[in-house]
């Protein structure tokens, strides 16, 4: 099947994800559209929601359902954050815990020393940075505990056997996005940097995670086939 045909027939949900994820940034993050709030919230959640559907459609096995659920909790978190930070953070936390369990099933058997050191240090350093960022010290412990789940997820993704520079890097981008959110509660409170970077890092991080996992597992499923596999 020609690549363009495969893209059009098998990956419309990936195209829809990109459409909503990118347009939300320009229309709703960099601007303030005069639209009903529920519409803006749905727009925000659509990008990652379509990644969930994409994973379910492209992986006809339990792994596809798990990745779909992880992305679904991300989309729920995206939308509920607009109404209640605690509910939104809870949705993301559940997604991170599921992702940690998922990556634990796909451990990389051999890791270089530098990769081991990076993975080991990533969690405590991220948690410490998250704890140190908010100006309101009463929020520091809660933020640090939440960051533990994100950092552990990123560390597990980095050390999994999925492609490191797609899935692992996507998880690191997710982590950096969250750290910028925490920085907006303190040192970057009046900075434009979080506004410019949080959504692109988060959305494209999720995009890289979903497509990287799907590509890897589909190639494994087609290992005995001569047919090309497209993500």
Protein backbone atom coordinates (compact mmCIF):
# COMPACT_ATOMS: atom_id res chain seq x y z
CA UNK A 1 0.00 0.00 0.00
CA UNK A 2 1.47 3.39 -0.93
CA UNK A 3 2.43 5.52 2.07
CA UNK A 4 -0.05 8.30 1.26
CA UNK A 5 -2.87 5.78 0.96
CA UNK A 6 -1.90 4.13 4.24
CA UNK A 7 -1.81 7.51 5.95
CA UNK A 8 -5.22 8.49 4.61
CA UNK A 9 -6.92 5.15 5.26
CA UNK A 10 -5.32 4.01 8.50
CA UNK A 11 -4.26 7.16 10.31
CA UNK A 12 -7.00 9.80 10.08
CA UNK A 13 -7.05 9.97 13.88
CA UNK A 14 -3.37 10.90 13.89
CA UNK A 15 -4.11 13.72 11.45
CA UNK A 16 -7.04 14.87 13.59
CA UNK A 17 -4.82 14.82 16.67
CA UNK A 18 -2.26 17.04 14.96
CA UNK A 19 -4.98 19.36 13.70
CA UNK A 20 -6.52 19.89 17.13
CA UNK A 21 -3.25 19.86 19.08
CA UNK A 22 -1.53 22.46 16.90
CA UNK A 23 -4.57 24.66 16.30
CA UNK A 24 -5.34 24.77 20.03
CA UNK A 25 -1.89 26.23 20.70
CA UNK A 26 -2.24 29.06 18.21
CA UNK A 27 -5.94 29.76 18.79
CA UNK A 28 -6.31 29.27 22.54
CA UNK A 29 -2.84 29.44 24.14
CA UNK A 30 -1.33 32.33 22.21
CA UNK A 31 -4.71 34.05 21.85
CA UNK A 32 -7.96 34.39 23.79
CA UNK A 33 -10.79 33.39 21.46
CA UNK A 34 -14.31 34.56 22.22
CA UNK A 35 -15.73 31.06 22.39
CA UNK A 36 -17.81 29.23 25.02
CA UNK A 37 -15.55 27.71 27.69
CA UNK A 38 -16.80 24.12 27.14
CA UNK A 39 -15.82 24.40 23.47
CA UNK A 40 -12.30 25.56 24.35
CA UNK A 41 -11.96 22.76 26.91
CA UNK A 42 -13.11 20.17 24.36
CA UNK A 43 -10.69 21.62 21.82
CA UNK A 44 -7.88 21.25 24.34
CA UNK A 45 -8.72 17.63 25.07
CA UNK A 46 -9.24 16.59 21.46
CA UNK A 47 -5.55 16.42 20.51
CA UNK A 48 -4.62 13.68 22.98
CA UNK A 49 -8.07 12.06 22.76
CA UNK A 50 -7.41 11.27 19.11
CA UNK A 51 -4.02 9.81 20.08
CA UNK A 52 -5.94 7.42 22.34
CA UNK A 53 -8.22 6.40 19.46
CA UNK A 54 -5.19 6.07 17.17
CA UNK A 55 -3.52 3.62 19.57
CA UNK A 56 -6.70 1.56 19.90
CA UNK A 57 -7.16 1.38 16.13
CA UNK A 58 -3.54 0.64 15.24
CA UNK A 59 -2.83 -1.99 17.93
CA UNK A 60 -5.45 -4.73 17.97
CA UNK A 61 -4.25 -6.27 21.22
CA UNK A 62 -4.10 -5.55 24.94
CA UNK A 63 -1.17 -3.17 24.51
CA UNK A 64 -3.26 -0.94 22.26
CA UNK A 65 -5.96 -0.76 24.91
CA UNK A 66 -3.41 0.11 27.60
CA UNK A 67 -1.80 2.88 25.53
CA UNK A 68 -5.28 4.12 24.66
CA UNK A 69 -6.19 4.27 28.35
CA UNK A 70 -2.96 6.13 29.18
CA UNK A 71 -3.71 8.72 26.51
CA UNK A 72 -7.35 8.91 27.58
CA UNK A 73 -6.36 9.81 31.14
CA UNK A 74 -4.07 12.46 29.67
CA UNK A 75 -6.97 13.94 27.72
CA UNK A 76 -9.20 13.84 30.81
CA UNK A 77 -6.45 15.61 32.74
CA UNK A 78 -6.13 18.24 30.02
CA UNK A 79 -9.82 19.10 30.24
CA UNK A 80 -10.46 18.79 33.97
CA UNK A 81 -7.44 20.97 34.81
CA UNK A 82 -9.50 23.86 33.45
CA UNK A 83 -12.06 23.32 36.23
CA UNK A 84 -10.19 21.75 39.15
CA UNK A 85 -6.41 21.33 39.42
CA UNK A 86 -6.75 18.43 41.86
CA UNK A 87 -9.03 16.39 39.63
CA UNK A 88 -6.84 17.09 36.61
CA UNK A 89 -3.68 16.13 38.48
CA UNK A 90 -5.42 12.98 39.70
CA UNK A 91 -6.26 11.95 36.15
CA UNK A 92 -2.66 12.48 35.05
CA UNK A 93 -1.41 10.59 38.12
CA UNK A 94 -3.51 7.55 37.22
CA UNK A 95 -2.20 7.70 33.66
CA UNK A 96 1.40 7.89 34.89
CA UNK A 97 0.95 4.88 37.18
CA UNK A 98 -0.53 2.83 34.33
CA UNK A 99 2.34 3.93 32.07
CA UNK A 100 4.92 2.90 34.68
CA UNK A 101 3.38 -0.57 34.83
CA UNK A 102 3.26 -0.73 31.03
CA UNK A 103 6.92 0.24 30.57
CA UNK A 104 7.96 -2.26 33.25
CA UNK A 105 6.79 -5.02 30.88
CA UNK A 106 9.19 -3.80 28.19
CA UNK A 107 12.49 -3.42 29.99
CA UNK A 108 15.66 -2.82 28.00
CA UNK A 109 18.00 -5.69 28.88
CA UNK A 110 21.26 -3.80 28.38
CA UNK A 111 21.82 -0.19 29.41
CA UNK A 112 25.00 1.83 29.07
CA UNK A 113 26.46 3.27 32.26
CA UNK A 114 25.56 6.84 31.27
CA UNK A 115 21.96 5.81 30.57
CA UNK A 116 21.71 4.06 33.94
CA UNK A 117 23.05 7.12 35.74
CA UNK A 118 20.68 9.42 33.85
CA UNK A 119 17.65 7.25 34.65
CA UNK A 120 18.61 6.93 38.32
CA UNK A 121 19.26 10.65 38.83
CA UNK A 122 16.28 11.84 36.79
CA UNK A 123 13.71 11.04 39.46
CA UNK A 124 15.26 12.59 42.60
CA UNK A 125 16.54 15.65 40.72
CA UNK A 126 13.15 16.29 39.11
CA UNK A 127 11.33 15.87 42.42
CA UNK A 128 13.74 18.24 44.17
CA UNK A 129 13.38 20.86 41.43
CA UNK A 130 9.59 20.57 41.56
CA UNK A 131 9.65 20.93 45.35
CA UNK A 132 11.87 24.02 45.14
CA UNK A 133 9.89 25.87 42.43
CA UNK A 134 6.59 27.10 43.95
CA UNK A 135 6.60 30.37 45.88
CA UNK A 136 3.84 29.07 48.15
CA UNK A 137 5.77 26.56 50.21
CA UNK A 138 2.52 24.98 51.34
CA UNK A 139 2.15 23.56 47.83
CA UNK A 140 5.71 22.25 47.59
CA UNK A 141 5.18 18.78 49.07
CA UNK A 142 2.05 18.04 47.02
CA UNK A 143 3.79 19.15 43.83
CA UNK A 144 6.86 17.06 44.66
CA UNK A 145 4.72 13.96 45.25
CA UNK A 146 2.93 14.46 41.95
CA UNK A 147 6.23 15.08 40.15
CA UNK A 148 7.49 11.75 41.50
CA UNK A 149 4.94 9.97 39.29
CA UNK A 150 5.85 11.99 36.17
CA UNK A 151 9.58 11.57 36.70
CA UNK A 152 9.24 7.83 37.38
CA UNK A 153 7.18 7.47 34.21
CA UNK A 154 9.83 9.33 32.20
CA UNK A 155 12.63 7.25 33.71
CA UNK A 156 10.82 4.01 32.92
CA UNK A 157 10.12 5.16 29.36
CA UNK A 158 13.76 6.13 28.87
CA UNK A 159 14.98 2.72 30.02
CA UNK A 160 12.33 0.71 28.17
CA UNK A 161 13.09 -1.06 24.91
CA UNK A 162 10.95 1.40 22.97
CA UNK A 163 12.96 3.80 20.85
CA UNK A 164 14.68 6.10 23.30
CA UNK A 165 14.78 9.13 21.07
CA UNK A 166 11.05 8.98 20.41
CA UNK A 167 9.24 7.40 23.35
CA UNK A 168 11.92 8.22 25.93
CA UNK A 169 12.41 11.75 24.63
CA UNK A 170 8.64 12.28 24.49
CA UNK A 171 8.34 11.32 28.15
CA UNK A 172 11.17 13.71 29.06
CA UNK A 173 9.36 16.48 27.17
CA UNK A 174 6.23 15.71 29.20
CA UNK A 175 8.27 16.01 32.41
CA UNK A 176 9.87 19.32 31.36
CA UNK A 177 6.43 20.66 30.48
CA UNK A 178 5.21 19.91 34.01
CA UNK A 179 8.31 21.47 35.55
CA UNK A 180 7.58 24.64 33.59
CA UNK A 181 4.04 24.63 35.00
CA UNK A 182 5.50 24.43 38.50
CA UNK A 183 7.99 27.19 37.63
CA UNK A 184 5.04 29.39 36.66
CA UNK A 185 3.98 29.11 40.31
CA UNK A 186 7.26 30.69 41.36
CA UNK A 187 10.35 31.93 39.58
CA UNK A 188 8.68 32.15 36.14
CA UNK A 189 5.41 33.60 37.43
CA UNK A 190 5.65 36.68 35.19
CA UNK A 191 7.53 35.02 32.35
CA UNK A 192 6.20 34.24 28.89
CA UNK A 193 8.35 31.09 28.69
CA UNK A 194 5.79 28.69 30.25
CA UNK A 195 3.03 30.03 28.01
CA UNK A 196 5.15 29.47 24.91
CA UNK A 197 6.57 26.07 25.81
CA UNK A 198 4.25 24.10 28.12
CA UNK A 199 1.69 23.02 25.53
CA UNK A 200 4.11 22.21 22.65
CA UNK A 201 6.35 20.16 24.95
CA UNK A 202 3.40 18.32 26.45
CA UNK A 203 1.42 17.67 23.28
CA UNK A 204 4.32 16.66 21.07
CA UNK A 205 5.71 14.59 23.95
CA UNK A 206 2.45 12.64 24.06
CA UNK A 207 2.46 12.42 20.26
CA UNK A 208 5.98 10.96 20.25
CA UNK A 209 5.10 8.48 23.00
CA UNK A 210 1.97 7.17 21.29
CA UNK A 211 3.43 6.91 17.79
CA UNK A 212 6.72 5.46 19.06
CA UNK A 213 5.03 2.69 21.02
CA UNK A 214 2.67 1.86 18.17
CA UNK A 215 5.47 1.78 15.61
CA UNK A 216 7.65 -0.51 17.75
CA UNK A 217 4.91 -2.98 18.61
CA UNK A 218 3.54 -3.12 15.09
CA UNK A 219 7.00 -3.85 13.72
CA UNK A 220 7.31 -6.69 16.25
CA UNK A 221 3.90 -8.03 15.21
CA UNK A 222 5.00 -7.96 11.56
CA UNK A 223 8.48 -9.38 12.18
CA UNK A 224 7.70 -12.50 10.14
CA UNK A 225 5.96 -10.59 7.37
CA UNK A 226 7.50 -9.01 4.29
CA UNK A 227 4.84 -6.28 4.22
CA UNK A 228 6.02 -2.80 5.27
CA UNK A 229 4.53 -1.47 8.47
CA UNK A 230 3.56 2.17 8.78
CA UNK A 231 2.98 3.84 12.13
